[in-house]
Amino acid sequence: MVKRFDMTRSAVLIFNPVAGQNDPEQDLAQIRKILEPDIDLEILLTTPEVDAGILAGEALARGVETVIVSGGDGTISAAAAALVGTNIPLGVISRGTANAFAAALGIPNTIQGACETILGGVTQTIDAAYCNGKPMVLLAGVGFEAETVEKADREAKNRFGMLAYILAGVQQLREFERFEAEIETESKIITVTAAAVTVANIAPPTSILAQGPAGLVVDDGLLDVTVVAPINLAGAIAASYHLLQSALAGNASERDDIGYLRTRKVKISAQPPQKVVLDGELIGNTPIEVECVPGGLTLIVPLVEEAPPSEKLSGLSGLKIESKAPLESEEV
């Protein structure tokens, strides 16, 4: 559900000073310059000991009406997780490496654009989920994706940005391994030899291992499960490329080694046990249980006003259109 957002006069800004590759002091100064003329900001900085989830929870206990978070996907997801089920609007200013959260919801990934969205956007209610009792906003990845995230360490992301994930993915492909997965939903139990299983609530097209279905619906009350099951390295490369192409085109995957399904809850086990990444952070190994929370999160998103079509003539009976030469300017 989307509705006009009436901005409160005050809000908490949770800011991660180590996110991204820019100067954090300059980033914070830019955010304050844009927002503070209209909003009384209480600024809270994350630390290694106190993350965005803790800060958001404390703000809720004080009765905050709006939370704004600025950082990478891990910071944003932690703050969002604290707001699940509260109806408190969340504004997002992405400053990370991947910025998958903002990309999936059409939120600008520049500070200027994100702040303008907060000042003039609308609220949208979307689904959330719980994975092994932990709130999940984006996705949980088993196998290949978790290994890739582990290899793309903080130093590499600081040096190479998004390229760090690509390099880590190439490295992981060289170590291609499959595992026996059991996927249990409310209606069936599936066993398969896979390289990756992804359970997605929200995911942009660049999160290719979540892109089996034709499109992820953020408010359908269901999780999207994608199974990538190539038999060799060449198949893994081909499947990854196919998923990227089909996601960008908005089409469902048609390869035999890619499967997908939608379900309200799912349990995934693996032999041997596999690493699990939850919203960009490693949380341990399988098994995992994921359950959707319909309408669990309220976000501030851009106001998209569709321009009315300026012309529609095709289909008219006896239609003939001739182009006229441009008028020459008159001499004076």
Protein backbone atom coordinates (compact mmCIF):
# COMPACT_ATOMS: atom_id res chain seq x y z
CA MET A 1 0.00 0.00 0.00
CA VAL A 2 1.32 3.44 -0.97
CA LYS A 3 0.18 6.73 0.56
CA ARG A 4 1.42 10.30 0.86
CA PHE A 5 4.02 10.71 3.60
CA ASP A 6 3.42 13.58 6.02
CA MET A 7 6.93 14.33 7.26
CA THR A 8 7.20 14.85 11.00
CA ARG A 9 9.19 17.83 12.26
CA SER A 10 11.71 15.57 13.98
CA ALA A 11 13.45 12.29 13.23
CA VAL A 12 16.34 10.13 14.31
CA LEU A 13 19.21 9.83 11.82
CA ILE A 14 21.29 6.68 12.32
CA PHE A 15 24.60 7.20 10.52
CA ASN A 16 27.31 4.61 9.89
CA PRO A 17 30.62 6.53 9.69
CA VAL A 18 32.57 3.63 8.12
CA ALA A 19 30.16 2.87 5.26
CA GLY A 20 31.10 3.48 1.66
CA GLN A 21 34.21 5.04 0.17
CA ASN A 22 33.52 8.77 0.60
CA ASP A 23 34.50 11.10 3.43
CA PRO A 24 31.88 10.39 6.14
CA GLU A 25 32.13 13.89 7.61
CA GLN A 26 31.33 15.42 4.23
CA ASP A 27 28.47 12.94 3.71
CA LEU A 28 26.94 13.78 7.08
CA ALA A 29 27.35 17.50 6.47
CA GLN A 30 25.54 17.18 3.13
CA ILE A 31 22.67 15.23 4.71
CA ARG A 32 22.28 17.83 7.45
CA LYS A 33 22.39 20.70 4.97
CA ILE A 34 19.50 19.21 2.99
CA LEU A 35 17.32 17.85 5.80
CA GLU A 36 17.79 20.14 8.79
CA PRO A 37 15.95 23.14 7.35
CA ASP A 38 12.81 20.99 7.48
CA ILE A 39 13.54 18.32 10.10
CA ASP A 40 14.92 18.48 13.62
CA LEU A 41 17.47 15.64 13.44
CA GLU A 42 18.76 13.63 16.36
CA ILE A 43 22.00 12.15 15.00
CA LEU A 44 23.21 8.79 16.26
CA LEU A 45 26.46 7.17 15.08
CA THR A 46 26.93 3.42 14.88
CA THR A 47 30.02 1.84 16.43
CA PRO A 48 31.50 -1.67 16.30
CA GLU A 49 29.72 -2.35 19.61
CA VAL A 50 26.41 -0.59 18.90
CA ASP A 51 24.86 -1.27 15.52
CA ALA A 52 21.94 0.38 13.74
CA GLY A 53 19.47 -2.17 15.08
CA ILE A 54 20.29 -1.32 18.68
CA LEU A 55 20.10 2.41 18.00
CA ALA A 56 16.77 2.06 16.20
CA GLY A 57 15.36 -0.03 19.03
CA GLU A 58 16.39 2.56 21.61
CA ALA A 59 14.84 5.32 19.49
CA LEU A 60 11.58 3.39 19.32
CA ALA A 61 11.56 3.06 23.10
CA ARG A 62 11.79 6.86 23.31
CA GLY A 63 8.75 7.23 21.05
CA VAL A 64 10.42 8.39 17.82
CA GLU A 65 8.02 8.97 14.92
CA THR A 66 10.44 8.59 11.98
CA VAL A 67 13.78 6.82 11.57
CA ILE A 68 16.31 7.71 8.87
CA VAL A 69 19.30 5.42 8.31
CA SER A 70 22.44 6.08 6.29
CA GLY A 71 24.98 3.40 5.49
CA GLY A 72 25.40 0.20 3.53
CA ASP A 73 22.92 -2.66 3.15
CA GLY A 74 23.94 -4.20 6.47
CA THR A 75 23.31 -0.96 8.36
CA ILE A 76 20.02 -0.30 6.58
CA SER A 77 18.77 -3.85 7.12
CA ALA A 78 19.68 -3.75 10.81
CA ALA A 79 17.68 -0.56 11.32
CA ALA A 80 14.80 -1.85 9.22
CA ALA A 81 14.74 -5.09 11.18
CA ALA A 82 14.14 -3.15 14.41
CA LEU A 83 11.12 -1.48 12.82
CA VAL A 84 9.37 -4.62 11.57
CA GLY A 85 5.76 -4.60 12.76
CA THR A 86 5.89 -1.05 14.19
CA ASN A 87 4.42 1.10 11.35
CA ILE A 88 7.23 3.61 11.99
CA PRO A 89 8.36 5.02 8.61
CA LEU A 90 11.97 4.37 7.58
CA GLY A 91 13.92 6.75 5.33
CA VAL A 92 16.96 5.35 3.55
CA ILE A 93 20.17 7.14 2.48
CA SER A 94 22.44 4.50 0.92
CA ARG A 95 26.20 4.95 1.14
CA GLY A 96 27.41 1.37 0.82
CA THR A 97 29.06 -0.82 -1.79
CA ALA A 98 26.15 -2.73 -3.28
CA ASN A 99 23.14 -0.61 -2.18
CA ALA A 100 20.80 -3.49 -3.04
CA PHE A 101 18.10 -2.28 -0.67
CA ALA A 102 17.71 1.09 -2.37
CA ALA A 103 18.00 -0.38 -5.87
CA ALA A 104 15.26 -2.92 -5.24
CA LEU A 105 12.82 -0.22 -4.13
CA GLY A 106 13.71 2.53 -6.57
CA ILE A 107 15.22 4.77 -3.89
CA PRO A 108 17.96 7.02 -5.30
CA ASN A 109 21.47 5.95 -4.28
CA THR A 110 22.79 9.51 -4.12
CA ILE A 111 22.61 11.55 -0.95
CA GLN A 112 20.82 14.38 -2.73
CA GLY A 113 18.22 12.11 -4.31
CA ALA A 114 17.65 10.07 -1.16
CA CYS A 115 17.17 13.19 0.98
CA GLU A 116 14.73 14.65 -1.54
CA THR A 117 12.79 11.38 -1.37
CA ILE A 118 12.55 11.68 2.41
CA LEU A 119 11.30 15.26 2.15
CA GLY A 120 8.78 14.66 -0.64
CA GLY A 121 8.10 10.96 -0.97
CA VAL A 122 5.33 8.58 -0.03
CA THR A 123 5.18 5.64 2.36
CA GLN A 124 4.95 2.10 1.05
CA THR A 125 4.13 -0.92 3.17
CA ILE A 126 6.15 -3.97 2.14
CA ASP A 127 6.73 -7.48 3.45
CA ALA A 128 9.51 -8.45 5.82
CA ALA A 129 10.58 -11.86 7.11
CA TYR A 130 12.32 -13.72 9.90
CA CYS A 131 15.24 -16.07 9.30
CA ASN A 132 16.15 -18.27 12.26
CA GLY A 133 14.46 -15.69 14.47
CA LYS A 134 16.43 -12.78 12.99
CA PRO A 135 14.52 -10.12 11.02
CA MET A 136 15.16 -10.31 7.28
CA VAL A 137 14.48 -7.50 4.83
CA LEU A 138 16.40 -8.47 1.69
CA LEU A 139 17.37 -12.12 1.33
CA ALA A 140 19.05 -15.17 2.78
CA GLY A 141 21.60 -16.94 0.59
CA VAL A 142 22.82 -20.51 1.09
CA GLY A 143 25.97 -21.77 -0.60
CA PHE A 144 27.56 -19.78 -3.41
CA GLU A 145 26.29 -16.34 -2.41
CA ALA A 146 27.38 -16.72 1.21
CA GLU A 147 30.85 -17.85 0.14
CA THR A 148 31.12 -14.88 -2.20
CA VAL A 149 30.15 -12.39 0.52
CA GLU A 150 32.73 -13.92 2.85
CA LYS A 151 35.49 -13.51 0.26
CA ALA A 152 34.56 -9.85 -0.42
CA ASP A 153 36.03 -8.59 2.85
CA ARG A 154 35.91 -5.02 4.14
CA GLU A 155 39.40 -4.13 2.89
CA ALA A 156 38.56 -5.32 -0.63
CA LYS A 157 35.24 -3.42 -0.64
CA ASN A 158 36.97 -0.25 0.51
CA ARG A 159 39.58 -0.57 -2.26
CA PHE A 160 37.47 -1.85 -5.14
CA GLY A 161 33.82 -1.08 -4.29
CA MET A 162 31.30 -3.19 -6.19
CA LEU A 163 34.17 -4.79 -8.12
CA ALA A 164 35.10 -6.61 -4.89
CA TYR A 165 31.93 -8.71 -5.16
CA ILE A 166 32.63 -9.50 -8.80
CA LEU A 167 36.20 -10.55 -8.04
CA ALA A 168 35.01 -12.65 -5.12
CA GLY A 169 32.38 -14.27 -7.32
CA VAL A 170 34.99 -15.19 -9.94
CA GLN A 171 37.19 -16.65 -7.24
CA GLN A 172 34.30 -18.64 -5.83
CA LEU A 173 33.40 -20.01 -9.26
CA ARG A 174 36.87 -21.52 -9.46
CA GLU A 175 36.05 -23.42 -6.27
CA PHE A 176 32.65 -24.52 -7.59
CA GLU A 177 31.04 -27.05 -5.26
CA ARG A 178 27.57 -28.56 -5.01
CA PHE A 179 25.65 -29.77 -1.97
CA GLU A 180 22.54 -31.81 -1.21
CA ALA A 181 19.72 -29.46 -0.27
CA GLU A 182 16.36 -30.22 1.31
CA ILE A 183 13.76 -27.49 0.85
CA GLU A 184 10.62 -27.89 2.95
CA THR A 185 7.56 -25.68 2.44
CA GLU A 186 4.09 -25.90 3.92
CA SER A 187 3.00 -28.23 1.12
CA LYS A 188 6.07 -30.17 -0.08
CA ILE A 189 9.61 -31.37 0.56
CA ILE A 190 12.10 -30.94 -2.27
CA THR A 191 15.52 -32.57 -2.42
CA VAL A 192 18.04 -31.37 -4.99
CA THR A 193 21.77 -31.17 -5.68
CA ALA A 194 22.43 -27.43 -5.80
CA ALA A 195 25.16 -24.81 -5.86
CA ALA A 196 23.02 -22.07 -4.33
CA VAL A 197 19.60 -21.62 -2.75
CA THR A 198 18.31 -18.08 -2.19
CA VAL A 199 15.23 -17.01 -0.21
CA ALA A 200 14.32 -13.46 -1.15
CA ASN A 201 11.91 -10.91 0.23
CA ILE A 202 13.37 -8.00 -1.79
CA ALA A 203 16.19 -8.18 -4.33
CA PRO A 204 17.30 -5.95 -7.21
CA PRO A 205 18.17 -7.52 -10.59
CA THR A 206 21.87 -7.43 -9.66
CA SER A 207 21.19 -10.00 -6.90
CA ILE A 208 21.17 -12.56 -9.68
CA LEU A 209 20.90 -15.70 -7.54
CA ALA A 210 17.48 -14.49 -6.35
CA GLN A 211 16.11 -13.92 -9.85
CA GLY A 212 14.49 -17.21 -10.84
CA PRO A 213 10.92 -15.83 -11.01
CA ALA A 214 9.80 -13.15 -13.43
CA GLY A 215 9.78 -10.47 -10.74
CA LEU A 216 9.89 -10.23 -6.97
CA VAL A 217 6.71 -8.71 -5.58
CA VAL A 218 7.48 -6.80 -2.38
CA ASP A 219 3.97 -6.93 -0.91
CA ASP A 220 2.48 -10.30 -1.91
CA GLY A 221 2.95 -11.98 1.48
CA LEU A 222 5.26 -14.61 -0.06
CA LEU A 223 8.96 -15.43 -0.21
CA ASP A 224 10.70 -16.18 -3.52
CA VAL A 225 12.98 -19.22 -3.45
CA THR A 226 15.47 -19.69 -6.29
CA VAL A 227 17.49 -22.89 -6.70
CA VAL A 228 20.58 -22.85 -8.92
CA ALA A 229 21.68 -26.41 -9.68
CA PRO A 230 24.29 -26.58 -12.47
CA ILE A 231 26.24 -29.81 -12.86
CA ASN A 232 29.65 -28.25 -13.58
CA LEU A 233 31.61 -24.99 -13.69
CA ALA A 234 30.57 -24.17 -17.25
CA GLY A 235 26.93 -24.65 -16.29
CA ALA A 236 27.37 -22.38 -13.26
CA ILE A 237 28.78 -19.59 -15.41
CA ALA A 238 26.00 -20.02 -17.99
CA ALA A 239 23.30 -20.09 -15.31
CA SER A 240 24.63 -16.91 -13.67
CA TYR A 241 24.69 -15.08 -17.00
CA HIS A 242 21.19 -16.30 -17.85
CA LEU A 243 19.82 -15.13 -14.50
CA LEU A 244 21.27 -11.66 -15.01
CA GLN A 245 19.87 -11.38 -18.53
CA SER A 246 16.40 -12.66 -17.59
CA ALA A 247 16.26 -10.38 -14.52
CA LEU A 248 17.15 -7.29 -16.54
CA ALA A 249 14.53 -8.26 -19.13
CA GLY A 250 11.90 -9.00 -16.47
CA ASN A 251 11.49 -12.61 -17.61
CA ALA A 252 11.35 -15.81 -15.58
CA SER A 253 14.26 -18.23 -15.95
CA GLU A 254 13.79 -21.02 -18.48
CA ARG A 255 16.94 -23.08 -17.86
CA ASP A 256 16.57 -26.65 -16.65
CA ASP A 257 19.22 -26.12 -13.96
CA ILE A 258 17.35 -23.19 -12.36
CA GLY A 259 14.17 -23.66 -10.33
CA TYR A 260 12.00 -21.34 -8.29
CA LEU A 261 8.87 -21.28 -6.15
CA ARG A 262 6.89 -18.95 -3.90
CA THR A 263 5.93 -19.84 -0.36
CA ARG A 264 5.00 -18.19 2.94
CA LYS A 265 7.57 -20.15 4.95
CA VAL A 266 10.48 -22.44 4.11
CA LYS A 267 13.09 -24.56 5.84
CA ILE A 268 16.41 -25.31 4.12
CA SER A 269 18.89 -27.97 5.19
CA ALA A 270 22.13 -28.93 3.46
CA GLN A 271 24.68 -31.73 3.42
CA PRO A 272 27.39 -30.84 4.01
CA PRO A 273 26.18 -27.80 6.01
CA GLN A 274 26.51 -24.54 4.07
CA LYS A 275 27.32 -20.98 5.07
CA VAL A 276 24.37 -18.57 5.20
CA VAL A 277 24.35 -14.85 4.43
CA LEU A 278 21.44 -12.79 5.73
CA ASP A 279 20.96 -9.29 4.31
CA GLY A 280 24.63 -9.12 3.35
CA GLU A 281 26.02 -10.46 6.65
CA LEU A 282 27.22 -13.99 7.43
CA ILE A 283 25.15 -15.51 10.24
CA GLY A 284 26.44 -19.10 10.43
CA ASN A 285 25.48 -22.33 8.71
CA THR A 286 22.36 -24.21 7.64
CA PRO A 287 19.71 -25.22 8.52
CA ILE A 288 17.58 -22.08 8.25
CA GLU A 289 13.87 -21.42 8.65
CA VAL A 290 12.41 -18.34 6.97
CA GLU A 291 8.87 -17.00 7.38
CA CYS A 292 7.28 -14.00 5.67
CA VAL A 293 5.78 -11.14 7.71
CA PRO A 294 3.19 -9.60 5.36
CA GLY A 295 3.16 -5.80 5.46
CA GLY A 296 5.80 -5.80 8.16
CA LEU A 297 7.76 -2.71 7.16
CA THR A 298 6.91 0.89 6.21
CA LEU A 299 9.37 2.72 3.95
CA ILE A 300 9.61 6.22 2.53
CA VAL A 301 9.93 5.81 -1.24
CA PRO A 302 9.91 8.22 -4.20
CA LEU A 303 6.64 9.63 -5.42
CA VAL A 304 6.31 8.32 -8.96
CA GLU A 305 3.77 10.20 -10.99
CA GLU A 306 3.13 8.61 -14.36
CA ALA A 307 2.97 11.19 -17.12
CA PRO A 308 -0.22 10.90 -19.17
CA PRO A 309 0.44 9.69 -22.72
CA SER A 310 0.83 12.63 -25.07
CA GLU A 311 -0.41 10.83 -28.15
CA LYS A 312 -2.11 7.60 -29.25
CA LEU A 313 -3.23 7.24 -32.86
CA SER A 314 -2.45 3.64 -33.81
CA GLY A 315 -5.45 1.43 -34.54
CA LEU A 316 -7.72 4.15 -35.94
CA SER A 317 -9.70 3.18 -39.05
CA GLY A 318 -8.23 4.50 -42.30
CA LEU A 319 -5.26 5.99 -40.46
CA LYS A 320 -2.60 7.71 -42.57
CA ILE A 321 0.17 9.87 -41.16
CA GLU A 322 2.47 12.04 -43.26
CA SER A 323 5.47 13.85 -41.84
CA LYS A 324 5.72 17.53 -42.65
CA ALA A 325 8.97 19.26 -43.40
CA PRO A 326 10.06 21.65 -40.63
CA LEU A 327 9.08 25.27 -41.22
CA GLU A 328 11.91 27.51 -42.36
CA SER A 329 12.47 30.57 -40.24
CA GLU A 330 11.18 33.77 -41.77
CA GLU A 331 13.64 36.52 -42.62
CA VAL A 332 13.04 39.91 -41.05
